[in-house]
């Protein structure tokens, strides 16, 4: 895996990380967008088109464009990283140890690109295989989330700046929307 780092916050932009609109935005509804800290529902197709234009404009300027999903997929190739991500995203405390273990095992067997899609886009009870049976499943609607989507990966708030091995914590001008 290639090592990426930030060597300057003010130098010429040579490489940038972007997140293409995906499943996480498709999961936004008028009833859940505020809870997911998003102001409104938007056209995922149009956002994707605008993202592609922006990314291509950067590439035409000689800037390397790194896509978050590609980087996450590469990270999942590292067994310890994959196990850590699954352990932190699928909580025994929230789902119960048996159901959480079943979900982690099912996700661990997924192709890494598909798993990356769910890690950022979320996972609903309706998407798990019928072979995973548990009382927890029976208490939820098929559209309830096992893992909530992360639509705000589309827009990052620079709460921190990473420079080499250090970090600068920055106050935000405005608070996050209330949940």
N, C-alpha and C. Protein backbone atom coordinates (compact mmCIF):
# COMPACT_ATOMS: atom_id res chain seq x y z
N UNK A 1 0.85 -1.18 0.00
CA UNK A 1 0.00 0.00 0.00
C UNK A 1 0.90 1.24 0.00
N UNK A 2 0.56 2.16 -0.86
CA UNK A 2 1.33 3.40 -0.96
C UNK A 2 1.09 4.27 0.26
N UNK A 3 2.15 4.91 0.75
CA UNK A 3 2.03 5.79 1.92
C UNK A 3 1.67 7.20 1.46
N UNK A 4 0.61 7.75 2.04
CA UNK A 4 0.18 9.11 1.73
C UNK A 4 0.36 9.97 2.98
N UNK A 5 0.69 11.22 2.79
CA UNK A 5 0.86 12.13 3.91
C UNK A 5 0.68 13.56 3.41
N UNK A 6 0.48 14.46 4.37
CA UNK A 6 0.39 15.88 4.06
C UNK A 6 1.67 16.52 4.56
N UNK A 7 2.40 17.16 3.66
CA UNK A 7 3.65 17.81 4.03
C UNK A 7 3.52 19.31 4.17
N UNK A 8 2.40 19.88 3.73
CA UNK A 8 2.20 21.32 3.82
C UNK A 8 0.72 21.63 3.67
N UNK A 9 0.25 22.57 4.45
CA UNK A 9 -1.14 23.02 4.33
C UNK A 9 -1.26 24.18 3.35
N UNK A 10 -0.12 24.72 2.90
CA UNK A 10 -0.18 25.89 2.02
C UNK A 10 0.54 25.69 0.71
N UNK A 11 1.22 24.57 0.53
CA UNK A 11 1.96 24.33 -0.70
C UNK A 11 1.05 24.01 -1.87
N UNK A 12 1.66 23.79 -3.03
CA UNK A 12 0.91 23.46 -4.24
C UNK A 12 0.20 22.12 -4.05
N UNK A 13 -1.04 22.06 -4.47
CA UNK A 13 -1.82 20.84 -4.36
C UNK A 13 -1.31 19.83 -5.39
N UNK A 14 -0.83 18.70 -4.91
CA UNK A 14 -0.34 17.65 -5.79
C UNK A 14 -1.24 16.42 -5.76
N UNK A 15 -1.92 16.23 -4.64
CA UNK A 15 -2.75 15.04 -4.46
C UNK A 15 -3.92 15.42 -3.57
N UNK A 16 -5.10 14.89 -3.87
CA UNK A 16 -6.29 15.23 -3.10
C UNK A 16 -7.15 13.99 -2.94
N UNK A 17 -7.80 13.87 -1.79
CA UNK A 17 -8.71 12.76 -1.56
C UNK A 17 -10.14 13.27 -1.72
N UNK A 18 -10.91 12.57 -2.55
CA UNK A 18 -12.31 12.92 -2.78
C UNK A 18 -13.18 11.70 -2.49
N UNK A 19 -14.44 11.97 -2.27
CA UNK A 19 -15.41 10.88 -2.08
C UNK A 19 -16.54 11.07 -3.09
N UNK A 20 -16.66 10.12 -4.00
CA UNK A 20 -17.70 10.20 -5.02
C UNK A 20 -19.05 9.90 -4.39
N UNK A 21 -20.08 10.68 -4.70
CA UNK A 21 -21.42 10.40 -4.17
C UNK A 21 -21.82 8.96 -4.45
N UNK A 22 -22.34 8.29 -3.41
CA UNK A 22 -22.64 6.87 -3.56
C UNK A 22 -23.86 6.47 -2.74
N UNK A 23 -23.86 5.24 -2.30
CA UNK A 23 -24.97 4.66 -1.56
C UNK A 23 -25.39 5.50 -0.36
N UNK A 24 -24.45 6.11 0.32
CA UNK A 24 -24.79 6.89 1.51
C UNK A 24 -25.79 8.01 1.18
N UNK A 25 -25.64 8.63 0.02
CA UNK A 25 -26.57 9.69 -0.36
C UNK A 25 -27.89 9.12 -0.88
N UNK A 26 -27.84 7.94 -1.47
CA UNK A 26 -29.08 7.30 -1.92
C UNK A 26 -29.97 6.93 -0.74
N UNK A 27 -29.36 6.77 0.42
CA UNK A 27 -30.12 6.38 1.61
C UNK A 27 -30.75 7.58 2.33
N UNK A 28 -30.40 8.79 1.93
CA UNK A 28 -31.00 9.97 2.55
C UNK A 28 -32.47 10.09 2.18
N UNK A 29 -33.29 10.33 3.18
CA UNK A 29 -34.72 10.58 2.95
C UNK A 29 -35.09 11.85 3.70
N UNK A 30 -36.24 12.44 3.36
CA UNK A 30 -36.65 13.63 4.12
C UNK A 30 -36.78 13.33 5.62
N UNK A 31 -37.11 12.10 5.98
CA UNK A 31 -37.29 11.79 7.40
C UNK A 31 -35.99 11.48 8.14
N UNK A 32 -34.90 11.16 7.43
CA UNK A 32 -33.67 10.83 8.15
C UNK A 32 -32.51 11.78 7.89
N UNK A 33 -32.67 12.73 6.97
CA UNK A 33 -31.52 13.56 6.61
C UNK A 33 -31.01 14.40 7.78
N UNK A 34 -31.89 14.92 8.61
CA UNK A 34 -31.43 15.72 9.76
C UNK A 34 -30.66 14.85 10.75
N UNK A 35 -31.17 13.64 11.01
CA UNK A 35 -30.49 12.72 11.93
C UNK A 35 -29.10 12.36 11.42
N UNK A 36 -28.95 12.28 10.10
CA UNK A 36 -27.67 11.93 9.50
C UNK A 36 -26.81 13.17 9.23
N UNK A 37 -27.21 14.31 9.85
CA UNK A 37 -26.46 15.57 9.76
C UNK A 37 -26.31 16.07 8.33
N UNK A 38 -27.38 15.94 7.57
CA UNK A 38 -27.39 16.43 6.20
C UNK A 38 -28.58 17.35 6.08
N UNK A 39 -28.41 18.47 5.39
CA UNK A 39 -29.46 19.48 5.34
C UNK A 39 -30.67 19.08 4.52
N UNK A 40 -30.45 18.34 3.45
CA UNK A 40 -31.56 18.04 2.54
C UNK A 40 -31.20 16.82 1.70
N UNK A 41 -32.20 16.29 1.03
CA UNK A 41 -32.02 15.20 0.08
C UNK A 41 -31.59 15.83 -1.24
N UNK A 42 -30.67 15.20 -1.95
CA UNK A 42 -30.23 15.76 -3.22
C UNK A 42 -30.22 14.69 -4.31
N UNK A 43 -30.03 15.11 -5.52
CA UNK A 43 -29.97 14.20 -6.66
C UNK A 43 -28.59 13.54 -6.68
N UNK A 44 -28.55 12.26 -6.39
CA UNK A 44 -27.27 11.54 -6.35
C UNK A 44 -26.65 11.49 -7.74
N UNK A 45 -27.47 11.32 -8.76
CA UNK A 45 -26.96 11.27 -10.13
C UNK A 45 -26.29 12.59 -10.51
N UNK A 46 -26.97 13.69 -10.21
CA UNK A 46 -26.40 15.00 -10.56
C UNK A 46 -25.14 15.27 -9.74
N UNK A 47 -25.17 14.91 -8.46
CA UNK A 47 -23.98 15.09 -7.62
C UNK A 47 -22.82 14.28 -8.17
N UNK A 48 -23.10 13.07 -8.66
CA UNK A 48 -22.06 12.23 -9.26
C UNK A 48 -21.48 12.86 -10.51
N UNK A 49 -22.35 13.42 -11.34
CA UNK A 49 -21.88 14.09 -12.56
C UNK A 49 -20.99 15.29 -12.21
N UNK A 50 -21.43 16.08 -11.23
CA UNK A 50 -20.64 17.25 -10.83
C UNK A 50 -19.31 16.83 -10.20
N UNK A 51 -19.35 15.75 -9.43
CA UNK A 51 -18.11 15.23 -8.85
C UNK A 51 -17.12 14.83 -9.95
N UNK A 52 -17.63 14.12 -10.96
CA UNK A 52 -16.75 13.66 -12.05
C UNK A 52 -16.12 14.84 -12.79
N UNK A 53 -16.90 15.90 -13.02
CA UNK A 53 -16.35 17.09 -13.68
C UNK A 53 -15.26 17.70 -12.81
N UNK A 54 -15.52 17.82 -11.51
CA UNK A 54 -14.54 18.39 -10.58
C UNK A 54 -13.27 17.54 -10.54
N UNK A 55 -13.42 16.23 -10.40
CA UNK A 55 -12.26 15.33 -10.33
C UNK A 55 -11.45 15.38 -11.62
N UNK A 56 -12.14 15.41 -12.76
CA UNK A 56 -11.43 15.48 -14.04
C UNK A 56 -10.71 16.82 -14.22
N UNK A 57 -11.31 17.90 -13.73
CA UNK A 57 -10.65 19.20 -13.78
C UNK A 57 -9.36 19.18 -12.97
N UNK A 58 -9.41 18.57 -11.80
CA UNK A 58 -8.20 18.44 -10.98
C UNK A 58 -7.14 17.61 -11.70
N UNK A 59 -7.56 16.49 -12.28
CA UNK A 59 -6.61 15.63 -13.00
C UNK A 59 -5.97 16.37 -14.17
N UNK A 60 -6.76 17.18 -14.88
CA UNK A 60 -6.23 17.94 -16.01
C UNK A 60 -5.17 18.95 -15.57
N UNK A 61 -5.22 19.33 -14.30
CA UNK A 61 -4.23 20.25 -13.74
C UNK A 61 -3.02 19.50 -13.18
N UNK A 62 -2.99 18.18 -13.40
CA UNK A 62 -1.87 17.37 -12.94
C UNK A 62 -1.96 16.95 -11.48
N UNK A 63 -3.13 17.07 -10.89
CA UNK A 63 -3.33 16.71 -9.49
C UNK A 63 -3.79 15.26 -9.41
N UNK A 64 -3.14 14.49 -8.57
CA UNK A 64 -3.53 13.10 -8.34
C UNK A 64 -4.82 13.09 -7.53
N UNK A 65 -5.84 12.39 -8.01
CA UNK A 65 -7.11 12.28 -7.31
C UNK A 65 -7.21 10.89 -6.70
N UNK A 66 -7.27 10.85 -5.38
CA UNK A 66 -7.43 9.61 -4.64
C UNK A 66 -8.88 9.52 -4.19
N UNK A 67 -9.53 8.43 -4.51
CA UNK A 67 -10.93 8.27 -4.12
C UNK A 67 -11.01 7.49 -2.81
N UNK A 68 -11.82 8.01 -1.88
CA UNK A 68 -11.95 7.41 -0.56
C UNK A 68 -12.31 5.93 -0.65
N UNK A 69 -13.23 5.58 -1.54
CA UNK A 69 -13.64 4.18 -1.66
C UNK A 69 -12.47 3.30 -2.10
N UNK A 70 -11.64 3.80 -3.01
CA UNK A 70 -10.46 3.04 -3.44
C UNK A 70 -9.49 2.85 -2.27
N UNK A 71 -9.26 3.90 -1.50
CA UNK A 71 -8.35 3.81 -0.36
C UNK A 71 -8.90 2.87 0.71
N UNK A 72 -10.20 2.93 0.94
CA UNK A 72 -10.82 2.04 1.91
C UNK A 72 -10.73 0.59 1.44
N UNK A 73 -10.94 0.37 0.14
CA UNK A 73 -10.82 -0.97 -0.42
C UNK A 73 -9.40 -1.50 -0.23
N UNK A 74 -8.40 -0.67 -0.47
CA UNK A 74 -7.00 -1.07 -0.24
C UNK A 74 -6.75 -1.36 1.23
N UNK A 75 -7.32 -0.57 2.10
CA UNK A 75 -7.15 -0.78 3.54
C UNK A 75 -7.73 -2.13 3.96
N UNK A 76 -8.84 -2.51 3.35
CA UNK A 76 -9.47 -3.78 3.69
C UNK A 76 -8.63 -4.98 3.26
N UNK A 77 -7.66 -4.75 2.38
CA UNK A 77 -6.72 -5.82 2.01
C UNK A 77 -5.78 -6.18 3.16
N UNK A 78 -5.68 -5.30 4.14
CA UNK A 78 -4.84 -5.54 5.32
C UNK A 78 -5.72 -6.23 6.37
N UNK A 79 -5.44 -7.49 6.65
CA UNK A 79 -6.31 -8.31 7.51
C UNK A 79 -6.59 -7.66 8.87
N UNK A 80 -5.56 -7.13 9.53
CA UNK A 80 -5.77 -6.52 10.85
C UNK A 80 -6.65 -5.27 10.75
N UNK A 81 -6.48 -4.49 9.70
CA UNK A 81 -7.29 -3.29 9.51
C UNK A 81 -8.74 -3.67 9.26
N UNK A 82 -8.95 -4.68 8.44
CA UNK A 82 -10.30 -5.14 8.14
C UNK A 82 -10.99 -5.63 9.41
N UNK A 83 -10.29 -6.43 10.21
CA UNK A 83 -10.87 -6.93 11.46
C UNK A 83 -11.20 -5.78 12.40
N UNK A 84 -10.30 -4.79 12.50
CA UNK A 84 -10.55 -3.65 13.37
C UNK A 84 -11.78 -2.87 12.91
N UNK A 85 -11.89 -2.61 11.61
CA UNK A 85 -13.04 -1.87 11.09
C UNK A 85 -14.34 -2.61 11.38
N UNK A 86 -14.36 -3.92 11.14
CA UNK A 86 -15.58 -4.68 11.39
C UNK A 86 -15.92 -4.71 12.88
N UNK A 87 -14.91 -4.86 13.73
CA UNK A 87 -15.15 -4.88 15.18
C UNK A 87 -15.69 -3.54 15.68
N UNK A 88 -15.20 -2.44 15.12
CA UNK A 88 -15.65 -1.13 15.60
C UNK A 88 -16.99 -0.72 15.00
N UNK A 89 -17.30 -1.19 13.81
CA UNK A 89 -18.56 -0.80 13.16
C UNK A 89 -19.73 -1.70 13.53
N UNK A 90 -19.46 -2.94 13.86
CA UNK A 90 -20.52 -3.88 14.23
C UNK A 90 -20.34 -4.20 15.71
N UNK A 91 -21.09 -3.50 16.53
CA UNK A 91 -20.89 -3.52 17.98
C UNK A 91 -21.67 -4.64 18.67
N UNK A 92 -20.96 -5.41 19.50
CA UNK A 92 -21.62 -6.41 20.34
C UNK A 92 -22.61 -5.74 21.29
N UNK A 93 -22.27 -4.55 21.75
CA UNK A 93 -23.10 -3.85 22.73
C UNK A 93 -24.44 -3.41 22.13
N UNK A 94 -24.44 -3.09 20.87
CA UNK A 94 -25.66 -2.61 20.22
C UNK A 94 -26.47 -3.75 19.63
N UNK A 95 -25.79 -4.76 19.10
CA UNK A 95 -26.48 -5.83 18.38
C UNK A 95 -26.54 -7.15 19.14
N UNK A 96 -25.77 -7.25 20.22
CA UNK A 96 -25.65 -8.52 20.92
C UNK A 96 -24.52 -9.32 20.31
N UNK A 97 -23.80 -10.10 21.11
CA UNK A 97 -22.60 -10.77 20.62
C UNK A 97 -22.86 -11.79 19.51
N UNK A 98 -23.93 -12.54 19.58
CA UNK A 98 -24.19 -13.57 18.57
C UNK A 98 -24.54 -12.96 17.23
N UNK A 99 -25.49 -12.03 17.23
CA UNK A 99 -25.90 -11.39 15.98
C UNK A 99 -24.75 -10.58 15.39
N UNK A 100 -24.03 -9.84 16.23
CA UNK A 100 -22.89 -9.05 15.74
C UNK A 100 -21.84 -9.96 15.10
N UNK A 101 -21.55 -11.09 15.72
CA UNK A 101 -20.57 -12.03 15.15
C UNK A 101 -21.04 -12.57 13.80
N UNK A 102 -22.33 -12.86 13.69
CA UNK A 102 -22.88 -13.35 12.41
C UNK A 102 -22.75 -12.28 11.32
N UNK A 103 -23.06 -11.04 11.65
CA UNK A 103 -22.97 -9.95 10.68
C UNK A 103 -21.52 -9.71 10.29
N UNK A 104 -20.62 -9.68 11.28
CA UNK A 104 -19.19 -9.49 10.98
C UNK A 104 -18.68 -10.59 10.06
N UNK A 105 -19.06 -11.84 10.33
CA UNK A 105 -18.60 -12.96 9.49
C UNK A 105 -19.13 -12.82 8.07
N UNK A 106 -20.38 -12.42 7.93
CA UNK A 106 -20.97 -12.25 6.59
C UNK A 106 -20.27 -11.11 5.84
N UNK A 107 -20.04 -9.99 6.53
CA UNK A 107 -19.36 -8.86 5.90
C UNK A 107 -17.91 -9.21 5.56
N UNK A 108 -17.25 -9.98 6.42
CA UNK A 108 -15.84 -10.34 6.19
C UNK A 108 -15.67 -11.16 4.91
N UNK A 109 -16.70 -11.88 4.52
CA UNK A 109 -16.64 -12.71 3.30
C UNK A 109 -16.95 -11.93 2.03
N UNK A 110 -17.39 -10.69 2.16
CA UNK A 110 -17.74 -9.87 0.98
C UNK A 110 -16.48 -9.47 0.22
N UNK A 111 -16.60 -9.27 -1.09
CA UNK A 111 -15.50 -8.62 -1.82
C UNK A 111 -15.24 -7.25 -1.19
N UNK A 112 -13.98 -6.86 -1.14
CA UNK A 112 -13.60 -5.64 -0.42
C UNK A 112 -14.27 -4.38 -0.97
N UNK A 113 -14.48 -4.29 -2.26
CA UNK A 113 -15.13 -3.10 -2.82
C UNK A 113 -16.57 -3.01 -2.31
N UNK A 114 -17.26 -4.14 -2.25
CA UNK A 114 -18.64 -4.15 -1.76
C UNK A 114 -18.68 -3.82 -0.26
N UNK A 115 -17.73 -4.35 0.49
CA UNK A 115 -17.66 -4.05 1.92
C UNK A 115 -17.38 -2.55 2.13
N UNK A 116 -16.48 -1.99 1.35
CA UNK A 116 -16.20 -0.55 1.44
C UNK A 116 -17.46 0.26 1.15
N UNK A 117 -18.24 -0.20 0.19
CA UNK A 117 -19.50 0.47 -0.16
C UNK A 117 -20.43 0.50 1.06
N UNK A 118 -20.51 -0.61 1.79
CA UNK A 118 -21.39 -0.65 2.97
C UNK A 118 -20.80 0.11 4.16
N UNK A 119 -19.49 0.12 4.30
CA UNK A 119 -18.89 0.86 5.41
C UNK A 119 -19.18 2.36 5.30
N UNK A 120 -19.23 2.89 4.10
CA UNK A 120 -19.58 4.31 3.94
C UNK A 120 -21.07 4.51 3.67
N UNK A 121 -21.69 3.54 3.02
CA UNK A 121 -23.08 3.69 2.61
C UNK A 121 -24.10 3.11 3.56
N UNK A 122 -23.65 2.38 4.56
CA UNK A 122 -24.57 1.81 5.53
C UNK A 122 -25.07 0.43 5.14
N UNK A 123 -25.78 -0.17 6.06
CA UNK A 123 -26.34 -1.52 5.86
C UNK A 123 -27.67 -1.58 6.58
N UNK A 124 -28.70 -2.06 5.88
CA UNK A 124 -30.02 -2.19 6.49
C UNK A 124 -30.30 -3.64 6.84
N UNK A 125 -31.28 -3.82 7.72
CA UNK A 125 -31.68 -5.18 8.09
C UNK A 125 -32.23 -5.93 6.88
N UNK A 126 -32.82 -5.23 5.94
CA UNK A 126 -33.36 -5.87 4.74
C UNK A 126 -32.30 -6.38 3.78
N UNK A 127 -31.05 -5.97 3.97
CA UNK A 127 -29.98 -6.39 3.07
C UNK A 127 -29.23 -7.63 3.54
N UNK A 128 -29.45 -8.03 4.78
CA UNK A 128 -28.71 -9.20 5.26
C UNK A 128 -29.39 -10.47 4.75
N UNK A 129 -28.62 -11.54 4.58
CA UNK A 129 -29.21 -12.77 4.07
C UNK A 129 -30.22 -13.38 5.05
N UNK A 130 -31.22 -14.05 4.51
CA UNK A 130 -32.25 -14.68 5.34
C UNK A 130 -31.66 -15.75 6.25
N UNK A 131 -30.49 -16.26 5.90
CA UNK A 131 -29.87 -17.30 6.72
C UNK A 131 -29.39 -16.77 8.08
N UNK A 132 -29.25 -15.46 8.20
CA UNK A 132 -28.87 -14.87 9.49
C UNK A 132 -30.16 -14.59 10.25
N UNK A 133 -30.46 -15.48 11.16
CA UNK A 133 -31.70 -15.36 11.95
C UNK A 133 -31.33 -15.00 13.38
N UNK A 134 -32.07 -14.05 13.93
CA UNK A 134 -31.80 -13.61 15.28
C UNK A 134 -32.99 -12.80 15.76
N UNK A 135 -33.24 -12.82 17.04
CA UNK A 135 -34.35 -12.06 17.61
C UNK A 135 -34.19 -10.57 17.32
N UNK A 136 -32.96 -10.08 17.24
CA UNK A 136 -32.71 -8.67 16.95
C UNK A 136 -33.33 -8.29 15.61
N UNK A 137 -33.20 -9.17 14.61
CA UNK A 137 -33.74 -8.90 13.28
C UNK A 137 -35.25 -8.72 13.35
N UNK A 138 -35.90 -9.56 14.15
CA UNK A 138 -37.36 -9.53 14.25
C UNK A 138 -37.90 -8.25 14.89
N UNK A 139 -37.06 -7.51 15.58
CA UNK A 139 -37.51 -6.29 16.24
C UNK A 139 -37.30 -5.04 15.39
N UNK A 140 -36.79 -5.22 14.17
CA UNK A 140 -36.49 -4.06 13.32
C UNK A 140 -37.22 -4.14 11.99
N UNK A 141 -37.49 -2.96 11.44
CA UNK A 141 -38.02 -2.83 10.09
C UNK A 141 -36.88 -3.11 9.10
N UNK A 142 -37.22 -3.57 7.91
CA UNK A 142 -36.18 -3.88 6.92
C UNK A 142 -35.36 -2.66 6.52
N UNK A 143 -35.91 -1.45 6.70
CA UNK A 143 -35.19 -0.23 6.34
C UNK A 143 -34.38 0.37 7.49
N UNK A 144 -34.46 -0.23 8.69
CA UNK A 144 -33.63 0.23 9.81
C UNK A 144 -32.17 -0.10 9.53
N UNK A 145 -31.29 0.71 10.07
CA UNK A 145 -29.86 0.54 9.80
C UNK A 145 -29.17 -0.32 10.85
N UNK A 146 -28.38 -1.26 10.37
CA UNK A 146 -27.42 -1.97 11.21
C UNK A 146 -26.19 -1.07 11.32
N UNK A 147 -25.75 -0.55 10.19
CA UNK A 147 -24.69 0.47 10.13
C UNK A 147 -25.29 1.68 9.44
N UNK A 148 -25.23 2.82 10.09
CA UNK A 148 -25.77 4.03 9.47
C UNK A 148 -24.87 4.49 8.33
N UNK A 149 -25.47 5.08 7.30
CA UNK A 149 -24.66 5.64 6.21
C UNK A 149 -23.92 6.89 6.68
N UNK A 150 -22.87 7.22 5.95
CA UNK A 150 -22.05 8.38 6.28
C UNK A 150 -22.08 9.37 5.11
N UNK A 151 -23.23 10.03 4.89
CA UNK A 151 -23.32 10.93 3.74
C UNK A 151 -22.40 12.13 3.83
N UNK A 152 -21.96 12.48 5.01
CA UNK A 152 -21.10 13.66 5.16
C UNK A 152 -19.66 13.42 4.73
N UNK A 153 -19.34 12.21 4.30
CA UNK A 153 -18.02 12.01 3.71
C UNK A 153 -17.90 12.79 2.40
N UNK A 154 -19.03 13.18 1.84
CA UNK A 154 -19.02 13.98 0.63
C UNK A 154 -18.37 15.33 0.89
N UNK A 155 -18.65 15.90 2.04
CA UNK A 155 -18.09 17.19 2.42
C UNK A 155 -17.33 16.99 3.73
N UNK A 156 -16.05 17.27 3.71
CA UNK A 156 -15.30 17.13 4.95
C UNK A 156 -15.20 18.48 5.63
N UNK A 157 -15.29 18.46 6.93
CA UNK A 157 -15.05 19.66 7.73
C UNK A 157 -13.64 19.53 8.24
N UNK A 158 -12.83 20.54 8.01
CA UNK A 158 -11.43 20.46 8.40
C UNK A 158 -11.27 20.70 9.90
N UNK A 159 -11.69 19.70 10.67
CA UNK A 159 -11.52 19.81 12.12
C UNK A 159 -10.08 19.56 12.51
N UNK A 160 -9.31 19.02 11.59
CA UNK A 160 -7.89 18.79 11.88
C UNK A 160 -7.08 18.90 10.60
N UNK A 161 -5.85 19.26 10.76
CA UNK A 161 -4.89 19.28 9.65
C UNK A 161 -3.77 18.33 10.02
N UNK A 162 -3.49 17.40 9.15
CA UNK A 162 -2.42 16.43 9.40
C UNK A 162 -1.20 16.86 8.62
N UNK A 163 -0.11 17.11 9.33
CA UNK A 163 1.14 17.53 8.71
C UNK A 163 2.22 16.57 9.19
N UNK A 164 2.74 15.77 8.27
CA UNK A 164 3.69 14.71 8.60
C UNK A 164 3.08 13.86 9.71
N UNK A 165 3.76 13.74 10.85
CA UNK A 165 3.25 12.90 11.93
C UNK A 165 2.53 13.70 13.01
N UNK A 166 2.21 14.95 12.74
CA UNK A 166 1.55 15.80 13.72
C UNK A 166 0.14 16.15 13.31
N UNK A 167 -0.59 16.75 14.23
CA UNK A 167 -1.97 17.14 13.96
C UNK A 167 -2.23 18.51 14.57
N UNK A 168 -3.02 19.30 13.85
CA UNK A 168 -3.47 20.60 14.33
C UNK A 168 -4.98 20.53 14.44
N UNK A 169 -5.53 20.76 15.63
CA UNK A 169 -6.98 20.72 15.85
C UNK A 169 -7.53 22.13 15.65
N UNK A 170 -8.55 22.24 14.80
CA UNK A 170 -9.10 23.55 14.44
C UNK A 170 -10.53 23.71 14.93
N UNK A 171 -10.87 24.88 15.50
CA UNK A 171 -12.27 25.12 15.87
C UNK A 171 -13.09 25.40 14.61
N UNK A 172 -14.33 24.97 14.63
CA UNK A 172 -15.22 25.19 13.50
C UNK A 172 -15.94 26.53 13.66
N UNK A 173 -16.18 27.20 12.56
CA UNK A 173 -16.89 28.48 12.60
C UNK A 173 -18.34 28.29 13.01
N UNK A 174 -18.93 27.16 12.62
CA UNK A 174 -20.32 26.86 12.96
C UNK A 174 -20.40 25.45 13.51
N UNK A 175 -21.30 25.22 14.47
CA UNK A 175 -21.44 23.87 15.01
C UNK A 175 -22.12 22.95 13.99
N UNK A 176 -21.95 21.65 14.20
CA UNK A 176 -22.66 20.67 13.37
C UNK A 176 -24.15 20.85 13.61
N UNK A 177 -24.98 20.54 12.61
CA UNK A 177 -26.42 20.64 12.83
C UNK A 177 -26.85 19.76 14.00
N UNK A 178 -27.86 20.19 14.76
CA UNK A 178 -28.31 19.38 15.90
C UNK A 178 -28.87 18.04 15.42
N UNK A 179 -28.71 17.04 16.26
CA UNK A 179 -29.23 15.71 15.90
C UNK A 179 -30.60 15.49 16.47
